[in-house]
mmCIF file of all heavy atoms, coordinates in Angstrom:
data_MODEL
# 
_entry.id   MODEL 
# 
loop_
_atom_site.group_PDB 
_atom_site.id 
_atom_site.type_symbol 
_atom_site.label_atom_id 
_atom_site.label_alt_id 
_atom_site.label_comp_id 
_atom_site.label_asym_id 
_atom_site.label_entity_id 
_atom_site.label_seq_id 
_atom_site.pdbx_PDB_ins_code 
_atom_site.Cartn_x 
_atom_site.Cartn_y 
_atom_site.Cartn_z 
_atom_site.occupancy 
_atom_site.B_iso_or_equiv 
_atom_site.pdbx_formal_charge 
_atom_site.auth_seq_id 
_atom_site.auth_comp_id 
_atom_site.auth_asym_id 
_atom_site.auth_atom_id 
_atom_site.pdbx_PDB_model_num 
ATOM 1   N N   . ILE A 1 1  ? 2.768  6.623  -2.001  1.00 0.00 ? 1  ILE A N   1 
ATOM 2   C CA  . ILE A 1 1  ? 3.179  8.019  -2.138  1.00 0.00 ? 1  ILE A CA  1 
ATOM 3   C C   . ILE A 1 1  ? 2.264  8.736  -3.129  1.00 0.00 ? 1  ILE A C   1 
ATOM 4   O O   . ILE A 1 1  ? 1.775  9.839  -2.865  1.00 0.00 ? 1  ILE A O   1 
ATOM 5   C CB  . ILE A 1 1  ? 4.652  8.099  -2.594  1.00 0.00 ? 1  ILE A CB  1 
ATOM 6   C CG1 . ILE A 1 1  ? 5.575  7.620  -1.470  1.00 0.00 ? 1  ILE A CG1 1 
ATOM 7   C CG2 . ILE A 1 1  ? 5.020  9.513  -3.021  1.00 0.00 ? 1  ILE A CG2 1 
ATOM 8   C CD1 . ILE A 1 1  ? 7.016  7.408  -1.900  1.00 0.00 ? 1  ILE A CD1 1 
ATOM 9   N N   . ALA A 1 2  ? 2.011  8.089  -4.269  1.00 0.00 ? 2  ALA A N   1 
ATOM 10  C CA  . ALA A 1 2  ? 1.188  8.718  -5.303  1.00 0.00 ? 2  ALA A CA  1 
ATOM 11  C C   . ALA A 1 2  ? -0.263 8.896  -4.873  1.00 0.00 ? 2  ALA A C   1 
ATOM 12  O O   . ALA A 1 2  ? -0.972 9.738  -5.433  1.00 0.00 ? 2  ALA A O   1 
ATOM 13  C CB  . ALA A 1 2  ? 1.249  7.882  -6.582  1.00 0.00 ? 2  ALA A CB  1 
ATOM 14  N N   . SER A 1 3  ? -0.699 8.143  -3.880  1.00 0.00 ? 3  SER A N   1 
ATOM 15  C CA  . SER A 1 3  ? -2.105 8.217  -3.443  1.00 0.00 ? 3  SER A CA  1 
ATOM 16  C C   . SER A 1 3  ? -2.339 9.307  -2.403  1.00 0.00 ? 3  SER A C   1 
ATOM 17  O O   . SER A 1 3  ? -3.447 9.423  -1.861  1.00 0.00 ? 3  SER A O   1 
ATOM 18  C CB  . SER A 1 3  ? -2.552 6.865  -2.885  1.00 0.00 ? 3  SER A CB  1 
ATOM 19  O OG  . SER A 1 3  ? -1.851 6.554  -1.688  1.00 0.00 ? 3  SER A OG  1 
ATOM 20  N N   . GLN A 1 4  ? -1.329 10.133 -2.123  1.00 0.00 ? 4  GLN A N   1 
ATOM 21  C CA  . GLN A 1 4  ? -1.492 11.189 -1.127  1.00 0.00 ? 4  GLN A CA  1 
ATOM 22  C C   . GLN A 1 4  ? -2.564 12.192 -1.564  1.00 0.00 ? 4  GLN A C   1 
ATOM 23  O O   . GLN A 1 4  ? -2.673 12.538 -2.732  1.00 0.00 ? 4  GLN A O   1 
ATOM 24  C CB  . GLN A 1 4  ? -0.167 11.908 -0.901  1.00 0.00 ? 4  GLN A CB  1 
ATOM 25  C CG  . GLN A 1 4  ? 0.890  11.060 -0.221  1.00 0.00 ? 4  GLN A CG  1 
ATOM 26  C CD  . GLN A 1 4  ? 0.461  10.598 1.157   1.00 0.00 ? 4  GLN A CD  1 
ATOM 27  O OE1 . GLN A 1 4  ? 0.127  11.408 2.020   1.00 0.00 ? 4  GLN A OE1 1 
ATOM 28  N NE2 . GLN A 1 4  ? 0.451  9.292  1.364   1.00 0.00 ? 4  GLN A NE2 1 
ATOM 29  N N   . THR A 1 5  ? -3.348 12.653 -0.594  1.00 0.00 ? 5  THR A N   1 
ATOM 30  C CA  . THR A 1 5  ? -4.441 13.579 -0.900  1.00 0.00 ? 5  THR A CA  1 
ATOM 31  C C   . THR A 1 5  ? -3.953 14.984 -1.234  1.00 0.00 ? 5  THR A C   1 
ATOM 32  O O   . THR A 1 5  ? -4.674 15.744 -1.884  1.00 0.00 ? 5  THR A O   1 
ATOM 33  C CB  . THR A 1 5  ? -5.421 13.650 0.284   1.00 0.00 ? 5  THR A CB  1 
ATOM 34  O OG1 . THR A 1 5  ? -4.692 13.992 1.480   1.00 0.00 ? 5  THR A OG1 1 
ATOM 35  C CG2 . THR A 1 5  ? -6.120 12.319 0.491   1.00 0.00 ? 5  THR A CG2 1 
ATOM 36  N N   . LEU A 1 6  ? -2.757 15.344 -0.788  1.00 0.00 ? 6  LEU A N   1 
ATOM 37  C CA  . LEU A 1 6  ? -2.171 16.629 -1.162  1.00 0.00 ? 6  LEU A CA  1 
ATOM 38  C C   . LEU A 1 6  ? -1.302 16.417 -2.402  1.00 0.00 ? 6  LEU A C   1 
ATOM 39  O O   . LEU A 1 6  ? -0.427 15.555 -2.395  1.00 0.00 ? 6  LEU A O   1 
ATOM 40  C CB  . LEU A 1 6  ? -1.311 17.186 -0.020  1.00 0.00 ? 6  LEU A CB  1 
ATOM 41  C CG  . LEU A 1 6  ? -0.676 18.551 -0.284  1.00 0.00 ? 6  LEU A CG  1 
ATOM 42  C CD1 . LEU A 1 6  ? -1.726 19.654 -0.197  1.00 0.00 ? 6  LEU A CD1 1 
ATOM 43  C CD2 . LEU A 1 6  ? 0.443  18.828 0.705   1.00 0.00 ? 6  LEU A CD2 1 
ATOM 44  N N   . PRO A 1 7  ? -1.520 17.190 -3.482  1.00 0.00 ? 7  PRO A N   1 
ATOM 45  C CA  . PRO A 1 7  ? -0.689 17.012 -4.681  1.00 0.00 ? 7  PRO A CA  1 
ATOM 46  C C   . PRO A 1 7  ? 0.788  17.231 -4.374  1.00 0.00 ? 7  PRO A C   1 
ATOM 47  O O   . PRO A 1 7  ? 1.161  18.215 -3.741  1.00 0.00 ? 7  PRO A O   1 
ATOM 48  C CB  . PRO A 1 7  ? -1.214 18.095 -5.638  1.00 0.00 ? 7  PRO A CB  1 
ATOM 49  C CG  . PRO A 1 7  ? -2.588 18.395 -5.164  1.00 0.00 ? 7  PRO A CG  1 
ATOM 50  C CD  . PRO A 1 7  ? -2.561 18.215 -3.669  1.00 0.00 ? 7  PRO A CD  1 
ATOM 51  N N   . LEU A 1 8  ? 1.613  16.293 -4.812  1.00 0.00 ? 8  LEU A N   1 
ATOM 52  C CA  . LEU A 1 8  ? 3.049  16.357 -4.551  1.00 0.00 ? 8  LEU A CA  1 
ATOM 53  C C   . LEU A 1 8  ? 3.757  17.105 -5.679  1.00 0.00 ? 8  LEU A C   1 
ATOM 54  O O   . LEU A 1 8  ? 3.376  16.999 -6.844  1.00 0.00 ? 8  LEU A O   1 
ATOM 55  C CB  . LEU A 1 8  ? 3.624  14.951 -4.423  1.00 0.00 ? 8  LEU A CB  1 
ATOM 56  C CG  . LEU A 1 8  ? 3.006  14.099 -3.306  1.00 0.00 ? 8  LEU A CG  1 
ATOM 57  C CD1 . LEU A 1 8  ? 3.482  12.661 -3.408  1.00 0.00 ? 8  LEU A CD1 1 
ATOM 58  C CD2 . LEU A 1 8  ? 3.321  14.685 -1.939  1.00 0.00 ? 8  LEU A CD2 1 
ATOM 59  N N   . TYR A 1 9  ? 4.789  17.839 -5.322  1.00 0.00 ? 9  TYR A N   1 
ATOM 60  C CA  . TYR A 1 9  ? 5.534  18.636 -6.290  1.00 0.00 ? 9  TYR A CA  1 
ATOM 61  C C   . TYR A 1 9  ? 6.435  17.756 -7.158  1.00 0.00 ? 9  TYR A C   1 
ATOM 62  O O   . TYR A 1 9  ? 6.531  17.948 -8.362  1.00 0.00 ? 9  TYR A O   1 
ATOM 63  C CB  . TYR A 1 9  ? 6.360  19.672 -5.538  1.00 0.00 ? 9  TYR A CB  1 
ATOM 64  C CG  . TYR A 1 9  ? 6.880  20.812 -6.376  1.00 0.00 ? 9  TYR A CG  1 
ATOM 65  C CD1 . TYR A 1 9  ? 6.019  21.589 -7.137  1.00 0.00 ? 9  TYR A CD1 1 
ATOM 66  C CD2 . TYR A 1 9  ? 8.234  21.132 -6.383  1.00 0.00 ? 9  TYR A CD2 1 
ATOM 67  C CE1 . TYR A 1 9  ? 6.487  22.657 -7.891  1.00 0.00 ? 9  TYR A CE1 1 
ATOM 68  C CE2 . TYR A 1 9  ? 8.714  22.197 -7.130  1.00 0.00 ? 9  TYR A CE2 1 
ATOM 69  C CZ  . TYR A 1 9  ? 7.841  22.953 -7.884  1.00 0.00 ? 9  TYR A CZ  1 
ATOM 70  O OH  . TYR A 1 9  ? 8.311  24.008 -8.634  1.00 0.00 ? 9  TYR A OH  1 
ATOM 71  N N   . GLU A 1 10 ? 7.102  16.782 -6.524  1.00 0.00 ? 10 GLU A N   1 
ATOM 72  C CA  . GLU A 1 10 ? 8.008  15.906 -7.261  1.00 0.00 ? 10 GLU A CA  1 
ATOM 73  C C   . GLU A 1 10 ? 8.322  14.682 -6.402  1.00 0.00 ? 10 GLU A C   1 
ATOM 74  O O   . GLU A 1 10 ? 8.224  14.712 -5.173  1.00 0.00 ? 10 GLU A O   1 
ATOM 75  C CB  . GLU A 1 10 ? 9.315  16.632 -7.609  1.00 0.00 ? 10 GLU A CB  1 
ATOM 76  C CG  . GLU A 1 10 ? 10.089 17.119 -6.399  1.00 0.00 ? 10 GLU A CG  1 
ATOM 77  C CD  . GLU A 1 10 ? 11.298 17.977 -6.761  1.00 0.00 ? 10 GLU A CD  1 
ATOM 78  O OE1 . GLU A 1 10 ? 11.706 17.974 -7.935  1.00 0.00 ? 10 GLU A OE1 1 
ATOM 79  O OE2 . GLU A 1 10 ? 11.837 18.652 -5.853  1.00 0.00 ? 10 GLU A OE2 1 
ATOM 80  N N   . ILE A 1 11 ? 8.667  13.591 -7.089  1.00 0.00 ? 11 ILE A N   1 
ATOM 81  C CA  . ILE A 1 11 ? 9.133  12.370 -6.435  1.00 0.00 ? 11 ILE A CA  1 
ATOM 82  C C   . ILE A 1 11 ? 10.502 12.047 -7.017  1.00 0.00 ? 11 ILE A C   1 
ATOM 83  O O   . ILE A 1 11 ? 10.672 11.975 -8.238  1.00 0.00 ? 11 ILE A O   1 
ATOM 84  C CB  . ILE A 1 11 ? 8.173  11.187 -6.676  1.00 0.00 ? 11 ILE A CB  1 
ATOM 85  C CG1 . ILE A 1 11 ? 6.760  11.517 -6.182  1.00 0.00 ? 11 ILE A CG1 1 
ATOM 86  C CG2 . ILE A 1 11 ? 8.699  9.927  -5.989  1.00 0.00 ? 11 ILE A CG2 1 
ATOM 87  C CD1 . ILE A 1 11 ? 5.727  10.472 -6.571  1.00 0.00 ? 11 ILE A CD1 1 
ATOM 88  N N   . ILE A 1 12 ? 11.486 11.860 -6.142  1.00 0.00 ? 12 ILE A N   1 
ATOM 89  C CA  . ILE A 1 12 ? 12.851 11.552 -6.570  1.00 0.00 ? 12 ILE A CA  1 
ATOM 90  C C   . ILE A 1 12 ? 13.229 10.202 -5.961  1.00 0.00 ? 12 ILE A C   1 
ATOM 91  O O   . ILE A 1 12 ? 13.307 10.061 -4.740  1.00 0.00 ? 12 ILE A O   1 
ATOM 92  C CB  . ILE A 1 12 ? 13.839 12.631 -6.107  1.00 0.00 ? 12 ILE A CB  1 
ATOM 93  C CG1 . ILE A 1 12 ? 13.428 14.010 -6.653  1.00 0.00 ? 12 ILE A CG1 1 
ATOM 94  C CG2 . ILE A 1 12 ? 15.259 12.291 -6.539  1.00 0.00 ? 12 ILE A CG2 1 
ATOM 95  C CD1 . ILE A 1 12 ? 14.181 15.170 -6.027  1.00 0.00 ? 12 ILE A CD1 1 
ATOM 96  N N   . VAL A 1 13 ? 13.462 9.208  -6.814  1.00 0.00 ? 13 VAL A N   1 
ATOM 97  C CA  . VAL A 1 13 ? 13.866 7.877  -6.351  1.00 0.00 ? 13 VAL A CA  1 
ATOM 98  C C   . VAL A 1 13 ? 15.369 7.751  -6.507  1.00 0.00 ? 13 VAL A C   1 
ATOM 99  O O   . VAL A 1 13 ? 15.920 7.960  -7.592  1.00 0.00 ? 13 VAL A O   1 
ATOM 100 C CB  . VAL A 1 13 ? 13.153 6.771  -7.153  1.00 0.00 ? 13 VAL A CB  1 
ATOM 101 C CG1 . VAL A 1 13 ? 13.615 5.391  -6.679  1.00 0.00 ? 13 VAL A CG1 1 
ATOM 102 C CG2 . VAL A 1 13 ? 11.638 6.897  -7.030  1.00 0.00 ? 13 VAL A CG2 1 
ATOM 103 N N   . LEU A 1 14 ? 16.045 7.422  -5.415  1.00 0.00 ? 14 LEU A N   1 
ATOM 104 C CA  . LEU A 1 14 ? 17.497 7.263  -5.415  1.00 0.00 ? 14 LEU A CA  1 
ATOM 105 C C   . LEU A 1 14 ? 17.836 5.790  -5.190  1.00 0.00 ? 14 LEU A C   1 
ATOM 106 O O   . LEU A 1 14 ? 17.539 5.243  -4.131  1.00 0.00 ? 14 LEU A O   1 
ATOM 107 C CB  . LEU A 1 14 ? 18.131 8.101  -4.301  1.00 0.00 ? 14 LEU A CB  1 
ATOM 108 C CG  . LEU A 1 14 ? 17.831 9.603  -4.291  1.00 0.00 ? 14 LEU A CG  1 
ATOM 109 C CD1 . LEU A 1 14 ? 18.504 10.250 -3.090  1.00 0.00 ? 14 LEU A CD1 1 
ATOM 110 C CD2 . LEU A 1 14 ? 18.289 10.261 -5.578  1.00 0.00 ? 14 LEU A CD2 1 
ATOM 111 N N   . ASP A 1 15 ? 18.450 5.155  -6.177  1.00 0.00 ? 15 ASP A N   1 
ATOM 112 C CA  . ASP A 1 15 ? 18.866 3.765  -5.996  1.00 0.00 ? 15 ASP A CA  1 
ATOM 113 C C   . ASP A 1 15 ? 20.361 3.721  -5.727  1.00 0.00 ? 15 ASP A C   1 
ATOM 114 O O   . ASP A 1 15 ? 21.162 4.261  -6.494  1.00 0.00 ? 15 ASP A O   1 
ATOM 115 C CB  . ASP A 1 15 ? 18.529 2.914  -7.215  1.00 0.00 ? 15 ASP A CB  1 
ATOM 116 C CG  . ASP A 1 15 ? 18.784 1.447  -6.937  1.00 0.00 ? 15 ASP A CG  1 
ATOM 117 O OD1 . ASP A 1 15 ? 17.951 0.820  -6.255  1.00 0.00 ? 15 ASP A OD1 1 
ATOM 118 O OD2 . ASP A 1 15 ? 19.853 0.937  -7.356  1.00 0.00 ? 15 ASP A OD2 1 
ATOM 119 N N   . ASP A 1 16 ? 20.724 3.053  -4.618  1.00 0.00 ? 16 ASP A N   1 
ATOM 120 C CA  . ASP A 1 16 ? 22.110 3.042  -4.146  1.00 0.00 ? 16 ASP A CA  1 
ATOM 121 C C   . ASP A 1 16 ? 22.830 1.768  -4.576  1.00 0.00 ? 16 ASP A C   1 
ATOM 122 O O   . ASP A 1 16 ? 23.337 1.011  -3.754  1.00 0.00 ? 16 ASP A O   1 
ATOM 123 C CB  . ASP A 1 16 ? 22.137 3.194  -2.625  1.00 0.00 ? 16 ASP A CB  1 
ATOM 124 C CG  . ASP A 1 16 ? 23.441 3.787  -2.109  1.00 0.00 ? 16 ASP A CG  1 
ATOM 125 O OD1 . ASP A 1 16 ? 24.261 4.216  -2.935  1.00 0.00 ? 16 ASP A OD1 1 
ATOM 126 O OD2 . ASP A 1 16 ? 23.619 3.840  -0.881  1.00 0.00 ? 16 ASP A OD2 1 
ATOM 127 N N   . CYS A 1 17 ? 22.856 1.523  -5.909  1.00 0.00 ? 17 CYS A N   1 
ATOM 128 C CA  . CYS A 1 17 ? 23.520 0.329  -6.473  1.00 0.00 ? 17 CYS A CA  1 
ATOM 129 C C   . CYS A 1 17 ? 22.901 -0.962 -5.946  1.00 0.00 ? 17 CYS A C   1 
ATOM 130 O O   . CYS A 1 17 ? 23.621 -1.857 -5.466  1.00 0.00 ? 17 CYS A O   1 
ATOM 131 C CB  . CYS A 1 17 ? 25.018 0.350  -6.192  1.00 0.00 ? 17 CYS A CB  1 
ATOM 132 S SG  . CYS A 1 17 ? 25.906 1.552  -7.165  1.00 0.00 ? 17 CYS A SG  1 
ATOM 133 N N   . SER A 1 18 ? 21.598 -1.075 -6.016  1.00 0.00 ? 18 SER A N   1 
ATOM 134 C CA  . SER A 1 18 ? 20.928 -2.303 -5.601  1.00 0.00 ? 18 SER A CA  1 
ATOM 135 C C   . SER A 1 18 ? 21.404 -3.481 -6.445  1.00 0.00 ? 18 SER A C   1 
ATOM 136 O O   . SER A 1 18 ? 21.741 -3.329 -7.622  1.00 0.00 ? 18 SER A O   1 
ATOM 137 C CB  . SER A 1 18 ? 19.411 -2.155 -5.743  1.00 0.00 ? 18 SER A CB  1 
ATOM 138 O OG  . SER A 1 18 ? 18.902 -1.199 -4.853  1.00 0.00 ? 18 SER A OG  1 
ATOM 139 N N   . THR A 1 19 ? 21.374 -4.671 -5.834  1.00 0.00 ? 19 THR A N   1 
ATOM 140 C CA  . THR A 1 19 ? 21.811 -5.886 -6.532  1.00 0.00 ? 19 THR A CA  1 
ATOM 141 C C   . THR A 1 19 ? 20.666 -6.863 -6.732  1.00 0.00 ? 19 THR A C   1 
ATOM 142 O O   . THR A 1 19 ? 20.892 -8.001 -7.141  1.00 0.00 ? 19 THR A O   1 
ATOM 143 C CB  . THR A 1 19 ? 22.928 -6.572 -5.724  1.00 0.00 ? 19 THR A CB  1 
ATOM 144 O OG1 . THR A 1 19 ? 22.438 -6.879 -4.400  1.00 0.00 ? 19 THR A OG1 1 
ATOM 145 C CG2 . THR A 1 19 ? 24.154 -5.680 -5.615  1.00 0.00 ? 19 THR A CG2 1 
ATOM 146 N N   . ASP A 1 20 ? 19.430 -6.429 -6.454  1.00 0.00 ? 20 ASP A N   1 
ATOM 147 C CA  . ASP A 1 20 ? 18.276 -7.344 -6.510  1.00 0.00 ? 20 ASP A CA  1 
ATOM 148 C C   . ASP A 1 20 ? 17.342 -7.056 -7.673  1.00 0.00 ? 20 ASP A C   1 
ATOM 149 O O   . ASP A 1 20 ? 16.205 -7.523 -7.687  1.00 0.00 ? 20 ASP A O   1 
ATOM 150 C CB  . ASP A 1 20 ? 17.491 -7.263 -5.198  1.00 0.00 ? 20 ASP A CB  1 
ATOM 151 C CG  . ASP A 1 20 ? 16.811 -5.904 -5.008  1.00 0.00 ? 20 ASP A CG  1 
ATOM 152 O OD1 . ASP A 1 20 ? 17.211 -4.940 -5.691  1.00 0.00 ? 20 ASP A OD1 1 
ATOM 153 O OD2 . ASP A 1 20 ? 15.879 -5.824 -4.183  1.00 0.00 ? 20 ASP A OD2 1 
ATOM 154 N N   . GLY A 1 21 ? 17.820 -6.305 -8.675  1.00 0.00 ? 21 GLY A N   1 
ATOM 155 C CA  . GLY A 1 21 ? 16.957 -5.966 -9.804  1.00 0.00 ? 21 GLY A CA  1 
ATOM 156 C C   . GLY A 1 21 ? 16.034 -4.799 -9.531  1.00 0.00 ? 21 GLY A C   1 
ATOM 157 O O   . GLY A 1 21 ? 15.044 -4.601 -10.245 1.00 0.00 ? 21 GLY A O   1 
ATOM 158 N N   . SER A 1 22 ? 16.354 -3.993 -8.520  1.00 0.00 ? 22 SER A N   1 
ATOM 159 C CA  . SER A 1 22 ? 15.499 -2.856 -8.171  1.00 0.00 ? 22 SER A CA  1 
ATOM 160 C C   . SER A 1 22 ? 15.300 -1.901 -9.341  1.00 0.00 ? 22 SER A C   1 
ATOM 161 O O   . SER A 1 22 ? 14.194 -1.421 -9.582  1.00 0.00 ? 22 SER A O   1 
ATOM 162 C CB  . SER A 1 22 ? 16.093 -2.083 -6.988  1.00 0.00 ? 22 SER A CB  1 
ATOM 163 O OG  . SER A 1 22 ? 15.827 -2.707 -5.765  1.00 0.00 ? 22 SER A OG  1 
ATOM 164 N N   . MET A 1 23 ? 16.388 -1.586 -10.073 1.00 0.00 ? 23 MET A N   1 
ATOM 165 C CA  . MET A 1 23 ? 16.280 -0.595 -11.133 1.00 0.00 ? 23 MET A CA  1 
ATOM 166 C C   . MET A 1 23 ? 15.314 -1.046 -12.219 1.00 0.00 ? 23 MET A C   1 
ATOM 167 O O   . MET A 1 23 ? 14.517 -0.241 -12.731 1.00 0.00 ? 23 MET A O   1 
ATOM 168 C CB  . MET A 1 23 ? 17.652 -0.296 -11.740 1.00 0.00 ? 23 MET A CB  1 
ATOM 169 C CG  . MET A 1 23 ? 18.467 0.700  -10.946 1.00 0.00 ? 23 MET A CG  1 
ATOM 170 S SD  . MET A 1 23 ? 17.633 2.302  -10.722 1.00 0.00 ? 23 MET A SD  1 
ATOM 171 C CE  . MET A 1 23 ? 17.452 2.842  -12.420 1.00 0.00 ? 23 MET A CE  1 
ATOM 172 N N   . ALA A 1 24 ? 15.353 -2.313 -12.572 1.00 0.00 ? 24 ALA A N   1 
ATOM 173 C CA  . ALA A 1 24 ? 14.421 -2.820 -13.587 1.00 0.00 ? 24 ALA A CA  1 
ATOM 174 C C   . ALA A 1 24 ? 12.988 -2.684 -13.102 1.00 0.00 ? 24 ALA A C   1 
ATOM 175 O O   . ALA A 1 24 ? 12.084 -2.309 -13.862 1.00 0.00 ? 24 ALA A O   1 
ATOM 176 C CB  . ALA A 1 24 ? 14.744 -4.270 -13.915 1.00 0.00 ? 24 ALA A CB  1 
# 
């Protein structure tokens, strides 16, 4: 996502109560 050639306005990551250590 960050490597896109068009500058992005914002990135919003939504974690839906992952149980695999995603948040860390």
